[in-house]
Structures are given as C-alpha cells and as structure tokens.
Amino acid sequence: MTEQTDDTGSGSAARAIIDGNMYMVLATVGPDGAPWASPVFYSTEDGRDFYWVSSPEVTHSRNLAHEPRVGIVIHDSRAPVGTAAPRALYLTATATELAGAEALEALRVIPNPAGRGGWTITPDEVRAPARWRVYRARVTAYSMICPHEAGRPCAEHGLNYEHRGDVPLEA
C-alpha cells in the first residue's frame, strides 16, 4: 500500500469502492505478451489481499502462472457517464495460486462478507484434481482518478487532465 497523507478522504473512498462492489477486472499478460482482462468475483477482509476462485485452465489463471504481476480495476459499472472516474479504484498487485494452508485460510474469507451472493466452497472443491483453485492478489499500490473541475487543475498535482494519484487505504 502506498503511504501518503490524504486530506481529501480518498482512502475512505477507496475502501468504500472495495466494500461496495463484488467484481474486479483482473488484467494479466500471456507468454506471448498479449493482454487479457477478466471480471472475477472477489472477497477481501483487509483490502490488501483479494481472493477468488477460478479454474487453473482459464486464460487468466494460465497467464498468472507465467507472469504474476497484475493490474486490477474495481468500479461501479452502473455509474452515469462522466461520473465513473471518482468511483473507480486502480490496483497494482502480485497474484498467485494458493495451496495447502494458504488456500484453507482463503476459504475462510471467501465469499465473505455474508449477503454478497457467493457460496461457501469446500477444500475438496479447490484441491487437485478438482476443477477450481484459490487465487490471491496482494496489492502493492492503490490509485484513483484525481478530482478536478473542468478547466481547472487538480489541487494536489496542478494537472488539468485526467490522471491518477496514489491513495492510502483506510481500514
């Protein structure tokens, strides 16, 4: 997590985005350098570790085996045009397939919190040769589009175009 002072409340806004959504768009890259984006249902307790369950045979899982560095976007896809930027959170992370005790710990988190629409997964459903595996993305940086009025630069960076600023995450 990027440490930075934050007078605008963007850390709370980041946490609200995480808590208010169920899907993240996971961006991976394949061995041939081709980008791939996949929406995945996620669970997290702390906003630092994001967990999901996928088949090891799907493109994003195979890509993670090749290149663990990922980009993630969590956003409200129902936001009216022109208002989505402040409701989007951009994450840089390292992702991996979990096994053993780490996978079991992740199953404690998935699909929490209650009421999100996911279902409880048993250890046997994510252990080879089962069709699912547990994955974790550990976030190394968070950013959001800096707010600014049309024709006026953002207060923090002095830039008069859409750009991202690093934000801390509030628990």
Protein backbone atom coordinates (compact mmCIF):
# COMPACT_ATOMS: atom_id res chain seq x y z
CA MET A 1 0.00 0.00 0.00
CA THR A 2 1.32 3.41 -0.89
CA GLU A 3 1.79 5.61 2.16
CA GLN A 4 0.76 9.18 1.58
CA THR A 5 -1.03 11.87 3.51
CA ASP A 6 -4.58 12.25 2.34
CA ASP A 7 -6.72 15.25 3.17
CA THR A 8 -9.42 14.53 0.59
CA GLY A 9 -10.79 11.32 2.06
CA SER A 10 -9.68 9.26 -0.93
CA GLY A 11 -8.58 6.45 1.42
CA SER A 12 -12.14 6.16 2.72
CA ALA A 13 -13.43 6.43 -0.85
CA ALA A 14 -11.11 3.59 -1.86
CA ARG A 15 -12.40 1.39 0.96
CA ALA A 16 -16.00 2.24 0.02
CA ILE A 17 -15.33 1.14 -3.57
CA ILE A 18 -13.86 -2.16 -2.37
CA ASP A 19 -16.72 -2.80 0.05
CA GLY A 20 -19.42 -1.64 -2.38
CA ASN A 21 -18.59 -3.94 -5.29
CA MET A 22 -18.40 -7.67 -5.94
CA TYR A 23 -16.32 -7.89 -9.12
CA MET A 24 -12.89 -6.69 -10.07
CA VAL A 25 -11.41 -6.63 -13.55
CA LEU A 26 -8.16 -8.57 -13.45
CA ALA A 27 -5.62 -7.63 -16.14
CA THR A 28 -2.99 -10.26 -16.93
CA VAL A 29 -0.47 -10.81 -19.70
CA GLY A 30 0.25 -14.06 -21.52
CA PRO A 31 3.58 -15.60 -22.51
CA ASP A 32 3.18 -14.04 -25.96
CA GLY A 33 2.76 -10.57 -24.42
CA ALA A 34 -0.96 -10.43 -25.21
CA PRO A 35 -3.06 -8.62 -22.58
CA TRP A 36 -6.13 -10.30 -21.09
CA ALA A 37 -8.84 -8.82 -18.87
CA SER A 38 -11.27 -10.91 -16.82
CA PRO A 39 -14.00 -9.92 -14.37
CA VAL A 40 -13.78 -12.06 -11.23
CA PHE A 41 -15.90 -12.19 -8.07
CA TYR A 42 -13.62 -11.25 -5.17
CA SER A 43 -13.51 -11.45 -1.40
CA THR A 44 -11.28 -9.47 0.93
CA GLU A 45 -11.09 -8.69 4.61
CA ASP A 46 -8.38 -6.08 4.67
CA GLY A 47 -8.42 -4.59 1.17
CA ARG A 48 -4.84 -5.73 0.72
CA ASP A 49 -5.36 -9.39 -0.15
CA PHE A 50 -8.07 -10.15 -2.74
CA TYR A 51 -9.20 -13.75 -3.16
CA TRP A 52 -11.10 -15.51 -5.93
CA VAL A 53 -11.73 -19.00 -7.24
CA SER A 54 -11.08 -19.93 -10.88
CA SER A 55 -10.19 -22.91 -13.00
CA PRO A 56 -6.44 -23.29 -13.50
CA GLU A 57 -7.23 -23.86 -17.19
CA VAL A 58 -8.78 -20.46 -17.97
CA THR A 59 -6.67 -17.80 -19.68
CA HIS A 60 -6.15 -15.50 -16.70
CA SER A 61 -5.04 -18.40 -14.48
CA ARG A 62 -2.58 -19.67 -17.09
CA ASN A 63 -1.30 -16.11 -17.53
CA LEU A 64 -0.69 -15.80 -13.76
CA ALA A 65 1.48 -18.90 -13.86
CA HIS A 66 3.61 -17.07 -16.45
CA GLU A 67 3.52 -13.50 -15.05
CA PRO A 68 2.26 -12.84 -11.50
CA ARG A 69 2.19 -9.02 -11.81
CA VAL A 70 -1.37 -7.84 -12.45
CA GLY A 71 -3.46 -4.72 -12.74
CA ILE A 72 -6.92 -4.57 -11.20
CA VAL A 73 -9.79 -2.11 -11.56
CA ILE A 74 -12.77 -2.08 -9.22
CA HIS A 75 -15.54 0.24 -10.35
CA ASP A 76 -19.27 0.86 -10.32
CA SER A 77 -20.29 -0.08 -13.86
CA ARG A 78 -23.73 1.46 -13.28
CA ALA A 79 -22.36 4.98 -12.70
CA PRO A 80 -23.74 7.57 -15.13
CA VAL A 81 -21.43 8.60 -17.98
CA GLY A 82 -18.91 11.19 -16.82
CA THR A 83 -19.17 10.22 -13.14
CA ALA A 84 -17.41 6.84 -13.04
CA ALA A 85 -13.84 8.12 -12.51
CA PRO A 86 -14.20 9.03 -8.83
CA ARG A 87 -15.88 5.68 -8.29
CA ALA A 88 -13.02 3.59 -9.67
CA LEU A 89 -10.04 2.17 -7.83
CA TYR A 90 -6.90 1.04 -9.64
CA LEU A 91 -4.67 -1.57 -8.01
CA THR A 92 -1.20 -2.89 -8.75
CA ALA A 93 -0.71 -6.36 -7.30
CA THR A 94 1.10 -9.67 -7.41
CA ALA A 95 -1.15 -12.69 -7.83
CA THR A 96 -0.62 -16.36 -7.16
CA GLU A 97 -2.43 -19.67 -6.93
CA LEU A 98 -2.71 -20.77 -3.31
CA ALA A 99 -2.35 -24.29 -1.97
CA GLY A 100 -2.32 -26.02 1.40
CA ALA A 101 -2.81 -23.88 4.50
CA GLU A 102 -2.94 -20.65 2.47
CA ALA A 103 -5.82 -21.96 0.36
CA LEU A 104 -7.67 -23.09 3.50
CA GLU A 105 -7.21 -19.65 5.08
CA ALA A 106 -8.56 -18.02 1.91
CA LEU A 107 -11.64 -20.24 2.06
CA ARG A 108 -12.34 -18.70 5.46
CA VAL A 109 -12.63 -15.33 3.69
CA ILE A 110 -14.44 -16.47 0.51
CA PRO A 111 -17.29 -15.44 -0.14
CA ASN A 112 -17.47 -13.03 2.81
CA PRO A 113 -18.99 -10.81 3.85
CA ALA A 114 -22.37 -12.53 4.01
CA GLY A 115 -25.00 -11.34 1.58
CA ARG A 116 -22.68 -10.73 -1.38
CA GLY A 117 -24.17 -13.58 -3.39
CA GLY A 118 -21.28 -16.03 -3.37
CA TRP A 119 -21.39 -19.52 -1.94
CA THR A 120 -19.28 -21.44 0.51
CA ILE A 121 -16.57 -23.53 -1.13
CA THR A 122 -15.16 -26.66 0.47
CA PRO A 123 -11.46 -27.59 0.48
CA ASP A 124 -12.19 -30.60 -1.74
CA GLU A 125 -13.58 -28.25 -4.43
CA VAL A 126 -10.22 -26.46 -4.79
CA ARG A 127 -7.78 -29.34 -4.35
CA ALA A 128 -6.41 -31.15 -7.44
CA PRO A 129 -7.89 -32.83 -9.39
CA ALA A 130 -10.96 -30.66 -8.68
CA ARG A 131 -11.82 -28.05 -11.33
CA TRP A 132 -11.23 -24.94 -9.14
CA ARG A 133 -8.24 -23.33 -7.42
CA VAL A 134 -7.94 -20.43 -4.99
CA TYR A 135 -6.02 -17.32 -6.05
CA ARG A 136 -4.80 -14.25 -4.17
CA ALA A 137 -3.76 -10.84 -5.42
CA ARG A 138 -1.66 -8.94 -2.86
CA VAL A 139 -1.89 -5.21 -3.54
CA THR A 140 1.27 -3.12 -3.70
CA ALA A 141 -0.28 0.22 -4.77
CA TYR A 142 -3.68 1.91 -4.93
CA SER A 143 -4.65 4.87 -7.11
CA MET A 144 -7.74 6.83 -8.11
CA ILE A 145 -8.50 9.49 -10.70
CA CYS A 146 -7.76 12.87 -9.12
CA PRO A 147 -10.85 15.04 -8.89
CA HIS A 148 -10.84 18.37 -10.67
CA GLU A 149 -13.37 20.69 -12.23
CA ALA A 150 -13.43 21.16 -16.00
CA GLY A 151 -10.93 23.83 -16.96
CA ARG A 152 -9.24 23.80 -13.55
CA PRO A 153 -6.24 21.75 -12.42
CA CYS A 154 -6.49 19.30 -9.54
CA ALA A 155 -5.41 20.85 -6.25
CA GLU A 156 -2.83 18.19 -5.39
CA HIS A 157 -0.88 17.86 -8.65
CA GLY A 158 -1.74 21.00 -10.58
CA LEU A 159 -2.66 18.94 -13.66
CA ASN A 160 -5.59 19.90 -15.88
CA TYR A 161 -6.26 16.48 -17.41
CA GLU A 162 -7.46 13.13 -16.12
CA HIS A 163 -4.71 11.45 -14.12
CA ARG A 164 -4.32 9.14 -11.18
CA GLY A 165 -3.00 9.86 -7.75
CA ASP A 166 -1.80 7.31 -5.20
CA VAL A 167 -4.09 6.81 -2.23
CA PRO A 168 -3.70 5.05 1.11
CA LEU A 169 -6.34 2.55 2.10
CA GLU A 170 -8.28 3.15 5.27
CA ALA A 171 -9.37 0.10 7.20
